[in-house]
């Protein structure tokens, strides 16, 4: 078996690898996949804020801390979910800025 491996030509192996590559694929452009607009990011942020407040309400209800004026559970859940949605808005703003200022760079063919 080892004899067969020694007698193989390296050109055949390289040819087999090039045959496995897919044919020319149409490059993705902004026409086929448009970027998100500012309103899209705003809608996602509003949805996430509503989701966080709903989750906070459900957690407070299950813990029985809705009726209490000041409790450790209420303060900690408020801090957690408020920090969560504020961080989400910050990341969404940075993502929007990247989409807004990013220019498509075409790579030149080196072959």
PDB file of N, CA and C in Angstrom:
ATOM      1  N   UNK A   1       0.808  -1.186   0.000  1.00  0.00           N
ATOM      2  CA  UNK A   1       0.000   0.000   0.000  1.00  0.00           C
ATOM      3  C   UNK A   1       0.856   1.256   0.000  1.00  0.00           C
ATOM      4  N   UNK A   2       1.959   1.209   0.705  1.00  0.00           N
ATOM      5  CA  UNK A   2       2.816   2.379   0.747  1.00  0.00           C
ATOM      6  C   UNK A   2       3.430   2.654  -0.610  1.00  0.00           C
ATOM      7  N   UNK A   3       3.602   1.625  -1.418  1.00  0.00           N
ATOM      8  CA  UNK A   3       4.192   1.831  -2.739  1.00  0.00           C
ATOM      9  C   UNK A   3       3.270   2.664  -3.616  1.00  0.00           C
ATOM     10  N   UNK A   4       1.987   2.438  -3.501  1.00  0.00           N
ATOM     11  CA  UNK A   4       1.041   3.187  -4.329  1.00  0.00           C
ATOM     12  C   UNK A   4       1.045   4.664  -4.009  1.00  0.00           C
ATOM     13  N   UNK A   5       1.233   5.008  -2.758  1.00  0.00           N
ATOM     14  CA  UNK A   5       1.233   6.407  -2.367  1.00  0.00           C
ATOM     15  C   UNK A   5       2.475   7.124  -2.878  1.00  0.00           C
ATOM     16  N   UNK A   6       3.612   6.416  -2.928  1.00  0.00           N
ATOM     17  CA  UNK A   6       4.834   7.054  -3.410  1.00  0.00           C
ATOM     18  C   UNK A   6       4.773   7.342  -4.901  1.00  0.00           C
ATOM     19  N   UNK A   7       4.074   6.522  -5.639  1.00  0.00           N
ATOM     20  CA  UNK A   7       4.082   6.674  -7.086  1.00  0.00           C
ATOM     21  C   UNK A   7       3.076   7.713  -7.578  1.00  0.00           C
ATOM     22  N   UNK A   8       2.264   8.273  -6.692  1.00  0.00           N
ATOM     23  CA  UNK A   8       1.290   9.281  -7.132  1.00  0.00           C
ATOM     24  C   UNK A   8       2.005  10.571  -7.503  1.00  0.00           C
ATOM     25  N   UNK A   9       1.472  11.220  -8.485  1.00  0.00           N
ATOM     26  CA  UNK A   9       2.046  12.490  -8.930  1.00  0.00           C
ATOM     27  C   UNK A   9       1.369  13.642  -8.177  1.00  0.00           C
ATOM     28  N   UNK A  10       2.129  14.628  -7.728  1.00  0.00           N
ATOM     29  CA  UNK A  10       1.532  15.743  -6.994  1.00  0.00           C
ATOM     30  C   UNK A  10       0.614  16.597  -7.868  1.00  0.00           C
ATOM     31  N   UNK A  11       0.825  16.600  -9.178  1.00  0.00           N
ATOM     32  CA  UNK A  11      -0.022  17.399 -10.056  1.00  0.00           C
ATOM     33  C   UNK A  11      -1.451  16.881 -10.056  1.00  0.00           C
ATOM     34  N   UNK A  12      -1.610  15.563  -9.952  1.00  0.00           N
ATOM     35  CA  UNK A  12      -2.949  14.988  -9.942  1.00  0.00           C
ATOM     36  C   UNK A  12      -3.711  15.397  -8.688  1.00  0.00           C
ATOM     37  N   UNK A  13      -3.009  15.473  -7.579  1.00  0.00           N
ATOM     38  CA  UNK A  13      -3.660  15.869  -6.335  1.00  0.00           C
ATOM     39  C   UNK A  13      -4.127  17.327  -6.410  1.00  0.00           C
ATOM     40  N   UNK A  14      -3.299  18.192  -6.963  1.00  0.00           N
ATOM     41  CA  UNK A  14      -3.668  19.604  -7.096  1.00  0.00           C
ATOM     42  C   UNK A  14      -4.827  19.761  -8.071  1.00  0.00           C
ATOM     43  N   UNK A  15      -4.841  18.946  -9.116  1.00  0.00           N
ATOM     44  CA  UNK A  15      -5.926  19.014 -10.087  1.00  0.00           C
ATOM     45  C   UNK A  15      -7.235  18.570  -9.451  1.00  0.00           C
ATOM     46  N   UNK A  16      -7.184  17.549  -8.608  1.00  0.00           N
ATOM     47  CA  UNK A  16      -8.397  17.078  -7.944  1.00  0.00           C
ATOM     48  C   UNK A  16      -8.940  18.145  -7.001  1.00  0.00           C
ATOM     49  N   UNK A  17      -8.070  18.888  -6.346  1.00  0.00           N
ATOM     50  CA  UNK A  17      -8.538  19.941  -5.445  1.00  0.00           C
ATOM     51  C   UNK A  17      -9.195  21.081  -6.205  1.00  0.00           C
ATOM     52  N   UNK A  18      -8.662  21.430  -7.369  1.00  0.00           N
ATOM     53  CA  UNK A  18      -9.268  22.516  -8.136  1.00  0.00           C
ATOM     54  C   UNK A  18     -10.604  22.100  -8.716  1.00  0.00           C
ATOM     55  N   UNK A  19     -10.790  20.815  -8.968  1.00  0.00           N
ATOM     56  CA  UNK A  19     -12.076  20.351  -9.479  1.00  0.00           C
ATOM     57  C   UNK A  19     -13.151  20.423  -8.404  1.00  0.00           C
ATOM     58  N   UNK A  20     -12.772  20.375  -7.129  1.00  0.00           N
ATOM     59  CA  UNK A  20     -13.741  20.425  -6.047  1.00  0.00           C
ATOM     60  C   UNK A  20     -14.230  21.831  -5.758  1.00  0.00           C
ATOM     61  N   UNK A  21     -13.507  22.822  -6.236  1.00  0.00           N
ATOM     62  CA  UNK A  21     -13.926  24.195  -5.979  1.00  0.00           C
ATOM     63  C   UNK A  21     -15.182  24.508  -6.775  1.00  0.00           C
ATOM     64  N   UNK A  22     -16.093  25.301  -6.184  1.00  0.00           N
ATOM     65  CA  UNK A  22     -17.334  25.623  -6.896  1.00  0.00           C
ATOM     66  C   UNK A  22     -17.053  26.540  -8.077  1.00  0.00           C
ATOM     67  N   UNK A  23     -17.955  26.549  -9.050  1.00  0.00           N
ATOM     68  CA  UNK A  23     -17.775  27.459 -10.184  1.00  0.00           C
ATOM     69  C   UNK A  23     -17.901  28.908  -9.699  1.00  0.00           C
ATOM     70  N   UNK A  24     -17.604  29.816 -10.599  1.00  0.00           N
ATOM     71  CA  UNK A  24     -17.657  31.236 -10.232  1.00  0.00           C
ATOM     72  C   UNK A  24     -19.008  31.567  -9.614  1.00  0.00           C
ATOM     73  N   UNK A  25     -18.945  32.111  -8.423  1.00  0.00           N
ATOM     74  CA  UNK A  25     -20.151  32.475  -7.698  1.00  0.00           C
ATOM     75  C   UNK A  25     -20.313  33.976  -7.798  1.00  0.00           C
ATOM     76  N   UNK A  26     -21.551  34.414  -8.023  1.00  0.00           N
ATOM     77  CA  UNK A  26     -21.805  35.844  -8.126  1.00  0.00           C
ATOM     78  C   UNK A  26     -21.513  36.492  -6.779  1.00  0.00           C
ATOM     79  N   UNK A  27     -20.705  37.538  -6.802  1.00  0.00           N
ATOM     80  CA  UNK A  27     -20.333  38.212  -5.564  1.00  0.00           C
ATOM     81  C   UNK A  27     -21.547  38.922  -4.978  1.00  0.00           C
ATOM     82  N   UNK A  28     -21.599  38.960  -3.648  1.00  0.00           N
ATOM     83  CA  UNK A  28     -22.690  39.646  -2.978  1.00  0.00           C
ATOM     84  C   UNK A  28     -22.466  41.149  -3.065  1.00  0.00           C
ATOM     85  N   UNK A  29     -23.468  41.835  -3.504  1.00  0.00           N
ATOM     86  CA  UNK A  29     -23.379  43.283  -3.589  1.00  0.00           C
ATOM     87  C   UNK A  29     -24.478  43.894  -2.748  1.00  0.00           C
ATOM     88  N   UNK A  30     -24.419  45.191  -2.592  1.00  0.00           N
ATOM     89  CA  UNK A  30     -25.424  45.863  -1.783  1.00  0.00           C
ATOM     90  C   UNK A  30     -26.799  45.820  -2.456  1.00  0.00           C
ATOM     91  N   UNK A  31     -26.847  45.568  -3.768  1.00  0.00           N
ATOM     92  CA  UNK A  31     -28.143  45.466  -4.429  1.00  0.00           C
ATOM     93  C   UNK A  31     -28.843  44.162  -4.044  1.00  0.00           C
ATOM     94  N   UNK A  32     -28.073  43.092  -3.878  1.00  0.00           N
ATOM     95  CA  UNK A  32     -28.709  41.821  -3.539  1.00  0.00           C
ATOM     96  C   UNK A  32     -28.999  41.718  -2.047  1.00  0.00           C
ATOM     97  N   UNK A  33     -28.161  42.321  -1.224  1.00  0.00           N
ATOM     98  CA  UNK A  33     -28.363  42.305   0.223  1.00  0.00           C
ATOM     99  C   UNK A  33     -28.243  43.730   0.759  1.00  0.00           C
ATOM    100  N   UNK A  34     -29.355  44.458   0.789  1.00  0.00           N
ATOM    101  CA  UNK A  34     -29.254  45.839   1.258  1.00  0.00           C
ATOM    102  C   UNK A  34     -28.939  45.897   2.752  1.00  0.00           C
ATOM    103  N   UNK A  35     -28.288  46.941   3.146  1.00  0.00           N
ATOM    104  CA  UNK A  35     -27.958  47.135   4.549  1.00  0.00           C
ATOM    105  C   UNK A  35     -29.195  47.607   5.299  1.00  0.00           C
ATOM    106  N   UNK A  36     -29.132  47.464   6.621  1.00  0.00           N
ATOM    107  CA  UNK A  36     -30.230  47.934   7.448  1.00  0.00           C
ATOM    108  C   UNK A  36     -30.228  49.459   7.493  1.00  0.00           C
ATOM    109  N   UNK A  37     -31.400  50.036   7.565  1.00  0.00           N
ATOM    110  CA  UNK A  37     -31.511  51.479   7.698  1.00  0.00           C
ATOM    111  C   UNK A  37     -31.569  51.839   9.182  1.00  0.00           C
ATOM    112  N   UNK A  38     -31.522  53.138   9.451  1.00  0.00           N
ATOM    113  CA  UNK A  38     -31.601  53.604  10.831  1.00  0.00           C
ATOM    114  C   UNK A  38     -32.944  53.226  11.446  1.00  0.00           C
ATOM    115  N   UNK A  39     -34.005  53.271  10.650  1.00  0.00           N
ATOM    116  CA  UNK A  39     -35.335  52.905  11.167  1.00  0.00           C
ATOM    117  C   UNK A  39     -35.411  51.422  11.535  1.00  0.00           C
ATOM    118  N   UNK A  40     -34.699  50.585  10.798  1.00  0.00           N
ATOM    119  CA  UNK A  40     -34.647  49.164  11.145  1.00  0.00           C
ATOM    120  C   UNK A  40     -33.988  48.965  12.505  1.00  0.00           C
ATOM    121  N   UNK A  41     -32.861  49.646  12.704  1.00  0.00           N
ATOM    122  CA  UNK A  41     -32.177  49.554  13.998  1.00  0.00           C
ATOM    123  C   UNK A  41     -33.046  50.116  15.119  1.00  0.00           C
ATOM    124  N   UNK A  42     -33.752  51.203  14.844  1.00  0.00           N
ATOM    125  CA  UNK A  42     -34.624  51.809  15.843  1.00  0.00           C
ATOM    126  C   UNK A  42     -35.760  50.859  16.215  1.00  0.00           C
ATOM    127  N   UNK A  43     -36.337  50.194  15.233  1.00  0.00           N
ATOM    128  CA  UNK A  43     -37.425  49.254  15.505  1.00  0.00           C
ATOM    129  C   UNK A  43     -36.937  48.077  16.348  1.00  0.00           C
ATOM    130  N   UNK A  44     -35.749  47.580  16.058  1.00  0.00           N
ATOM    131  CA  UNK A  44     -35.201  46.469  16.839  1.00  0.00           C
ATOM    132  C   UNK A  44     -34.922  46.911  18.275  1.00  0.00           C
ATOM    133  N   UNK A  45     -34.426  48.128  18.442  1.00  0.00           N
ATOM    134  CA  UNK A  45     -34.152  48.644  19.794  1.00  0.00           C
ATOM    135  C   UNK A  45     -35.444  48.799  20.595  1.00  0.00           C
ATOM    136  N   UNK A  46     -36.489  49.337  19.968  1.00  0.00           N
ATOM    137  CA  UNK A  46     -37.773  49.488  20.665  1.00  0.00           C
ATOM    138  C   UNK A  46     -38.322  48.119  21.057  1.00  0.00           C
ATOM    139  N   UNK A  47     -38.216  47.160  20.162  1.00  0.00           N
ATOM    140  CA  UNK A  47     -38.684  45.815  20.471  1.00  0.00           C
ATOM    141  C   UNK A  47     -37.904  45.227  21.640  1.00  0.00           C
ATOM    142  N   UNK A  48     -36.585  45.415  21.658  1.00  0.00           N
ATOM    143  CA  UNK A  48     -35.769  44.845  22.726  1.00  0.00           C
ATOM    144  C   UNK A  48     -36.045  45.523  24.067  1.00  0.00           C
ATOM    145  N   UNK A  49     -36.282  46.832  24.057  1.00  0.00           N
ATOM    146  CA  UNK A  49     -36.621  47.533  25.297  1.00  0.00           C
ATOM    147  C   UNK A  49     -37.945  47.005  25.851  1.00  0.00           C
ATOM    148  N   UNK A  50     -38.935  46.836  24.982  1.00  0.00           N
ATOM    149  CA  UNK A  50     -40.217  46.284  25.428  1.00  0.00           C
ATOM    150  C   UNK A  50     -40.035  44.867  25.962  1.00  0.00           C
ATOM    151  N   UNK A  51     -39.202  44.080  25.313  1.00  0.00           N
ATOM    152  CA  UNK A  51     -38.934  42.717  25.764  1.00  0.00           C
ATOM    153  C   UNK A  51     -38.297  42.719  27.159  1.00  0.00           C
ATOM    154  N   UNK A  52     -37.341  43.618  27.389  1.00  0.00           N
ATOM    155  CA  UNK A  52     -36.677  43.691  28.698  1.00  0.00           C
ATOM    156  C   UNK A  52     -37.654  44.080  29.798  1.00  0.00           C
ATOM    157  N   UNK A  53     -38.516  45.058  29.519  1.00  0.00           N
ATOM    158  CA  UNK A  53     -39.494  45.455  30.537  1.00  0.00           C
ATOM    159  C   UNK A  53     -40.504  44.346  30.806  1.00  0.00           C
ATOM    160  N   UNK A  54     -40.891  43.614  29.778  1.00  0.00           N
ATOM    161  CA  UNK A  54     -41.795  42.488  29.980  1.00  0.00           C
ATOM    162  C   UNK A  54     -41.135  41.409  30.829  1.00  0.00           C
ATOM    163  N   UNK A  55     -39.884  41.114  30.555  1.00  0.00           N
ATOM    164  CA  UNK A  55     -39.174  40.104  31.338  1.00  0.00           C
ATOM    165  C   UNK A  55     -38.985  40.552  32.785  1.00  0.00           C
ATOM    166  N   UNK A  56     -38.732  41.831  32.986  1.00  0.00           N
ATOM    167  CA  UNK A  56     -38.587  42.349  34.345  1.00  0.00           C
ATOM    168  C   UNK A  56     -39.910  42.223  35.108  1.00  0.00           C
ATOM    169  N   UNK A  57     -41.007  42.535  34.431  1.00  0.00           N
ATOM    170  CA  UNK A  57     -42.323  42.425  35.063  1.00  0.00           C
ATOM    171  C   UNK A  57     -42.632  40.973  35.433  1.00  0.00           C
ATOM    172  N   UNK A  58     -42.339  40.054  34.526  1.00  0.00           N
ATOM    173  CA  UNK A  58     -42.601  38.639  34.789  1.00  0.00           C
ATOM    174  C   UNK A  58     -41.741  38.148  35.955  1.00  0.00           C
ATOM    175  N   UNK A  59     -40.490  38.534  35.987  1.00  0.00           N
ATOM    176  CA  UNK A  59     -39.612  38.110  37.081  1.00  0.00           C
ATOM    177  C   UNK A  59     -40.079  38.687  38.418  1.00  0.00           C
ATOM    178  N   UNK A  60     -40.488  39.952  38.415  1.00  0.00           N
ATOM    179  CA  UNK A  60     -40.996  40.548  39.655  1.00  0.00           C
ATOM    180  C   UNK A  60     -42.293  39.882  40.101  1.00  0.00           C
ATOM    181  N   UNK A  61     -43.130  39.511  39.158  1.00  0.00           N
ATOM    182  CA  UNK A  61     -44.395  38.837  39.490  1.00  0.00           C
ATOM    183  C   UNK A  61     -44.121  37.470  40.110  1.00  0.00           C
ATOM    184  N   UNK A  62     -43.206  36.704  39.519  1.00  0.00           N
ATOM    185  CA  UNK A  62     -42.892  35.378  40.052  1.00  0.00           C
ATOM    186  C   UNK A  62     -42.229  35.449  41.423  1.00  0.00           C
ATOM    187  N   UNK A  63     -41.463  36.489  41.650  1.00  0.00           N
ATOM    188  CA  UNK A  63     -40.810  36.650  42.949  1.00  0.00           C
ATOM    189  C   UNK A  63     -41.738  37.276  43.993  1.00  0.00           C
ATOM    190  N   UNK A  64     -42.874  37.803  43.570  1.00  0.00           N
ATOM    191  CA  UNK A  64     -43.804  38.433  44.488  1.00  0.00           C
ATOM    192  C   UNK A  64     -43.352  39.800  44.950  1.00  0.00           C
ATOM    193  N   UNK A  65     -42.546  40.470  44.167  1.00  0.00           N
ATOM    194  CA  UNK A  65     -41.987  41.762  44.559  1.00  0.00           C
ATOM    195  C   UNK A  65     -42.664  42.928  43.854  1.00  0.00           C
ATOM    196  N   UNK A  66     -43.790  42.696  43.181  1.00  0.00           N
ATOM    197  CA  UNK A  66     -44.459  43.784  42.477  1.00  0.00           C
ATOM    198  C   UNK A  66     -45.083  44.784  43.449  1.00  0.00           C
ATOM    199  N   UNK A  67     -45.647  44.306  44.530  1.00  0.00           N
ATOM    200  CA  UNK A  67     -46.363  45.186  45.452  1.00  0.00           C
ATOM    201  C   UNK A  67     -45.430  45.899  46.425  1.00  0.00           C
ATOM    202  N   UNK A  68     -44.251  45.371  46.634  1.00  0.00           N
ATOM    203  CA  UNK A  68     -43.308  45.997  47.559  1.00  0.00           C
ATOM    204  C   UNK A  68     -42.733  47.257  46.926  1.00  0.00           C
ATOM    205  N   UNK A  69     -42.611  48.300  47.763  1.00  0.00           N
ATOM    206  CA  UNK A  69     -42.099  49.559  47.233  1.00  0.00           C
ATOM    207  C   UNK A  69     -40.607  49.512  46.985  1.00  0.00           C
ATOM    208  N   UNK A  70     -39.850  49.095  47.990  1.00  0.00           N
ATOM    209  CA  UNK A  70     -38.406  48.967  47.842  1.00  0.00           C
ATOM    210  C   UNK A  70     -37.998  47.585  48.327  1.00  0.00           C
ATOM    211  N   UNK A  71     -37.402  46.851  47.422  1.00  0.00           N
ATOM    212  CA  UNK A  71     -36.887  45.538  47.791  1.00  0.00           C
ATOM    213  C   UNK A  71     -35.616  45.288  47.005  1.00  0.00           C
ATOM    214  N   UNK A  72     -34.826  44.383  47.529  1.00  0.00           N
ATOM    215  CA  UNK A  72     -33.564  44.058  46.862  1.00  0.00           C
ATOM    216  C   UNK A  72     -33.821  43.424  45.494  1.00  0.00           C
ATOM    217  N   UNK A  73     -34.847  42.590  45.401  1.00  0.00           N
ATOM    218  CA  UNK A  73     -35.169  41.952  44.122  1.00  0.00           C
ATOM    219  C   UNK A  73     -35.556  42.981  43.072  1.00  0.00           C
ATOM    220  N   UNK A  74     -36.370  43.955  43.477  1.00  0.00           N
ATOM    221  CA  UNK A  74     -36.817  44.972  42.528  1.00  0.00           C
ATOM    222  C   UNK A  74     -35.646  45.830  42.049  1.00  0.00           C
ATOM    223  N   UNK A  75     -34.790  46.222  42.976  1.00  0.00           N
ATOM    224  CA  UNK A  75     -33.635  47.033  42.606  1.00  0.00           C
ATOM    225  C   UNK A  75     -32.662  46.266  41.704  1.00  0.00           C
ATOM    226  N   UNK A  76     -32.407  45.011  42.037  1.00  0.00           N
ATOM    227  CA  UNK A  76     -31.442  44.244  41.249  1.00  0.00           C
ATOM    228  C   UNK A  76     -31.978  43.914  39.858  1.00  0.00           C
ATOM    229  N   UNK A  77     -33.259  43.581  39.759  1.00  0.00           N
ATOM    230  CA  UNK A  77     -33.824  43.304  38.433  1.00  0.00           C
ATOM    231  C   UNK A  77     -33.901  44.566  37.586  1.00  0.00           C
ATOM    232  N   UNK A  78     -34.210  45.690  38.224  1.00  0.00           N
ATOM    233  CA  UNK A  78     -34.227  46.952  37.477  1.00  0.00           C
ATOM    234  C   UNK A  78     -32.836  47.290  36.964  1.00  0.00           C
ATOM    235  N   UNK A  79     -31.836  47.128  37.808  1.00  0.00           N
ATOM    236  CA  UNK A  79     -30.464  47.402  37.378  1.00  0.00           C
ATOM    237  C   UNK A  79     -30.063  46.477  36.232  1.00  0.00           C
ATOM    238  N   UNK A  80     -30.365  45.182  36.357  1.00  0.00           N
ATOM    239  CA  UNK A  80     -29.948  44.216  35.340  1.00  0.00           C
ATOM    240  C   UNK A  80     -30.596  44.508  33.992  1.00  0.00           C
ATOM    241  N   UNK A  81     -31.928  44.633  33.967  1.00  0.00           N
ATOM    242  CA  UNK A  81     -32.605  44.806  32.684  1.00  0.00           C
ATOM    243  C   UNK A  81     -32.383  46.194  32.091  1.00  0.00           C
ATOM    244  N   UNK A  82     -32.237  47.212  32.938  1.00  0.00           N
ATOM    245  CA  UNK A  82     -31.937  48.539  32.404  1.00  0.00           C
ATOM    246  C   UNK A  82     -30.538  48.590  31.799  1.00  0.00           C
ATOM    247  N   UNK A  83     -29.590  47.936  32.447  1.00  0.00           N
ATOM    248  CA  UNK A  83     -28.241  47.861  31.889  1.00  0.00           C
ATOM    249  C   UNK A  83     -28.237  47.060  30.590  1.00  0.00           C
ATOM    250  N   UNK A  84     -29.050  46.022  30.526  1.00  0.00           N
ATOM    251  CA  UNK A  84     -29.113  45.177  29.342  1.00  0.00           C
ATOM    252  C   UNK A  84     -29.611  45.956  28.133  1.00  0.00           C
ATOM    253  N   UNK A  85     -30.719  46.678  28.262  1.00  0.00           N
ATOM    254  CA  UNK A  85     -31.234  47.386  27.091  1.00  0.00           C
ATOM    255  C   UNK A  85     -30.383  48.596  26.737  1.00  0.00           C
ATOM    256  N   UNK A  86     -29.750  49.233  27.720  1.00  0.00           N
ATOM    257  CA  UNK A  86     -28.879  50.363  27.402  1.00  0.00           C
ATOM    258  C   UNK A  86     -27.620  49.890  26.660  1.00  0.00           C
ATOM    259  N   UNK A  87     -27.079  48.768  27.064  1.00  0.00           N
ATOM    260  CA  UNK A  87     -25.942  48.200  26.347  1.00  0.00           C
ATOM    261  C   UNK A  87     -26.316  47.768  24.942  1.00  0.00           C
ATOM    262  N   UNK A  88     -27.516  47.228  24.791  1.00  0.00           N
ATOM    263  CA  UNK A  88     -27.989  46.822  23.471  1.00  0.00           C
ATOM    264  C   UNK A  88     -28.099  48.027  22.541  1.00  0.00           C
ATOM    265  N   UNK A  89     -28.603  49.144  23.057  1.00  0.00           N
ATOM    266  CA  UNK A  89     -28.712  50.351  22.239  1.00  0.00           C
ATOM    267  C   UNK A  89     -27.330  50.848  21.824  1.00  0.00           C
ATOM    268  N   UNK A  90     -26.379  50.796  22.731  1.00  0.00           N
ATOM    269  CA  UNK A  90     -25.014  51.220  22.409  1.00  0.00           C
ATOM    270  C   UNK A  90     -24.416  50.356  21.292  1.00  0.00           C
ATOM    271  N   UNK A  91     -24.581  49.051  21.387  1.00  0.00           N
ATOM    272  CA  UNK A  91     -24.044  48.150  20.361  1.00  0.00           C
ATOM    273  C   UNK A  91     -24.781  48.342  19.035  1.00  0.00           C
ATOM    274  N   UNK A  92     -26.096  48.540  19.087  1.00  0.00           N
ATOM    275  CA  UNK A  92     -26.863  48.776  17.860  1.00  0.00           C
ATOM    276  C   UNK A  92     -26.437  50.074  17.199  1.00  0.00           C
ATOM    277  N   UNK A  93     -26.129  51.098  17.989  1.00  0.00           N
ATOM    278  CA  UNK A  93     -25.658  52.365  17.430  1.00  0.00           C
ATOM    279  C   UNK A  93     -24.315  52.180  16.736  1.00  0.00           C
ATOM    280  N   UNK A  94     -23.414  51.435  17.366  1.00  0.00           N
ATOM    281  CA  UNK A  94     -22.117  51.178  16.746  1.00  0.00           C
ATOM    282  C   UNK A  94     -22.264  50.352  15.465  1.00  0.00           C
ATOM    283  N   UNK A  95     -23.176  49.390  15.461  1.00  0.00           N
ATOM    284  CA  UNK A  95     -23.407  48.584  14.260  1.00  0.00           C
ATOM    285  C   UNK A  95     -23.983  49.441  13.141  1.00  0.00           C
ATOM    286  N   UNK A  96     -24.900  50.356  13.497  1.00  0.00           N
ATOM    287  CA  UNK A  96     -25.467  51.243  12.483  1.00  0.00           C
ATOM    288  C   UNK A  96     -24.394  52.170  11.911  1.00  0.00           C
ATOM    289  N   UNK A  97     -23.535  52.698  12.780  1.00  0.00           N
ATOM    290  CA  UNK A  97     -22.460  53.556  12.295  1.00  0.00           C
ATOM    291  C   UNK A  97     -21.525  52.808  11.356  1.00  0.00           C
ATOM    292  N   UNK A  98     -21.254  51.550  11.661  1.00  0.00           N
ATOM    293  CA  UNK A  98     -20.422  50.744  10.771  1.00  0.00           C
ATOM    294  C   UNK A  98     -21.111  50.552   9.427  1.00  0.00           C
ATOM    295  N   UNK A  99     -22.404  50.246   9.446  1.00  0.00           N
ATOM    296  CA  UNK A  99     -23.138  50.087   8.188  1.00  0.00           C
ATOM    297  C   UNK A  99     -23.204  51.399   7.411  1.00  0.00           C
ATOM    298  N   UNK A 100     -23.307  52.498   8.117  1.00  0.00           N
ATOM    299  CA  UNK A 100     -23.460  53.800   7.459  1.00  0.00           C
ATOM    300  C   UNK A 100     -22.166  54.249   6.787  1.00  0.00           C
ATOM    301  N   UNK A 101     -21.037  54.055   7.459  1.00  0.00           N
ATOM    302  CA  UNK A 101     -19.777  54.554   6.938  1.00  0.00           C
ATOM    303  C   UNK A 101     -18.953  53.533   6.172  1.00  0.00           C
ATOM    304  N   UNK A 102     -19.323  52.274   6.208  1.00  0.00           N
ATOM    305  CA  UNK A 102     -18.548  51.223   5.548  1.00  0.00           C
ATOM    306  C   UNK A 102     -18.703  51.327   4.037  1.00  0.00           C
ATOM    307  N   UNK A 103     -17.614  51.265   3.360  1.00  0.00           N
ATOM    308  CA  UNK A 103     -17.621  51.253   1.892  1.00  0.00           C
ATOM    309  C   UNK A 103     -17.149  49.871   1.444  1.00  0.00           C
ATOM    310  N   UNK A 104     -17.828  49.329   0.436  1.00  0.00           N
ATOM    311  CA  UNK A 104     -17.414  48.036  -0.096  1.00  0.00           C
ATOM    312  C   UNK A 104     -16.067  48.169  -0.777  1.00  0.00           C
ATOM    313  N   UNK A 105     -15.153  47.302  -0.410  1.00  0.00           N
ATOM    314  CA  UNK A 105     -13.825  47.294  -1.008  1.00  0.00           C
ATOM    315  C   UNK A 105     -13.746  46.054  -1.891  1.00  0.00           C
ATOM    316  N   UNK A 106     -13.467  46.267  -3.165  1.00  0.00           N
ATOM    317  CA  UNK A 106     -13.342  45.134  -4.062  1.00  0.00           C
ATOM    318  C   UNK A 106     -11.896  44.680  -4.077  1.00  0.00           C
ATOM    319  N   UNK A 107     -11.713  43.389  -3.993  1.00  0.00           N
ATOM    320  CA  UNK A 107     -10.364  42.829  -4.034  1.00  0.00           C
ATOM    321  C   UNK A 107      -9.986  42.589  -5.483  1.00  0.00           C
ATOM    322  N   UNK A 108      -8.780  43.004  -5.847  1.00  0.00           N
ATOM    323  CA  UNK A 108      -8.314  42.790  -7.213  1.00  0.00           C
ATOM    324  C   UNK A 108      -7.901  41.349  -7.387  1.00  0.00           C
ATOM    325  N   UNK A 109      -8.144  40.810  -8.560  1.00  0.00           N
ATOM    326  CA  UNK A 109      -7.759  39.442  -8.853  1.00  0.00           C
ATOM    327  C   UNK A 109      -6.254  39.365  -9.015  1.00  0.00           C
ATOM    328  N   UNK A 110      -5.593  38.507  -8.281  1.00  0.00           N
ATOM    329  CA  UNK A 110      -4.133  38.407  -8.342  1.00  0.00           C
ATOM    330  C   UNK A 110      -3.670  37.291  -9.272  1.00  0.00           C
ATOM    331  N   UNK A 111      -4.577  36.607  -9.922  1.00  0.00           N
ATOM    332  CA  UNK A 111      -4.173  35.502 -10.801  1.00  0.00           C
ATOM    333  C   UNK A 111      -3.872  35.970 -12.181  1.00  0.00           C
TER     334      UNK A 111
END
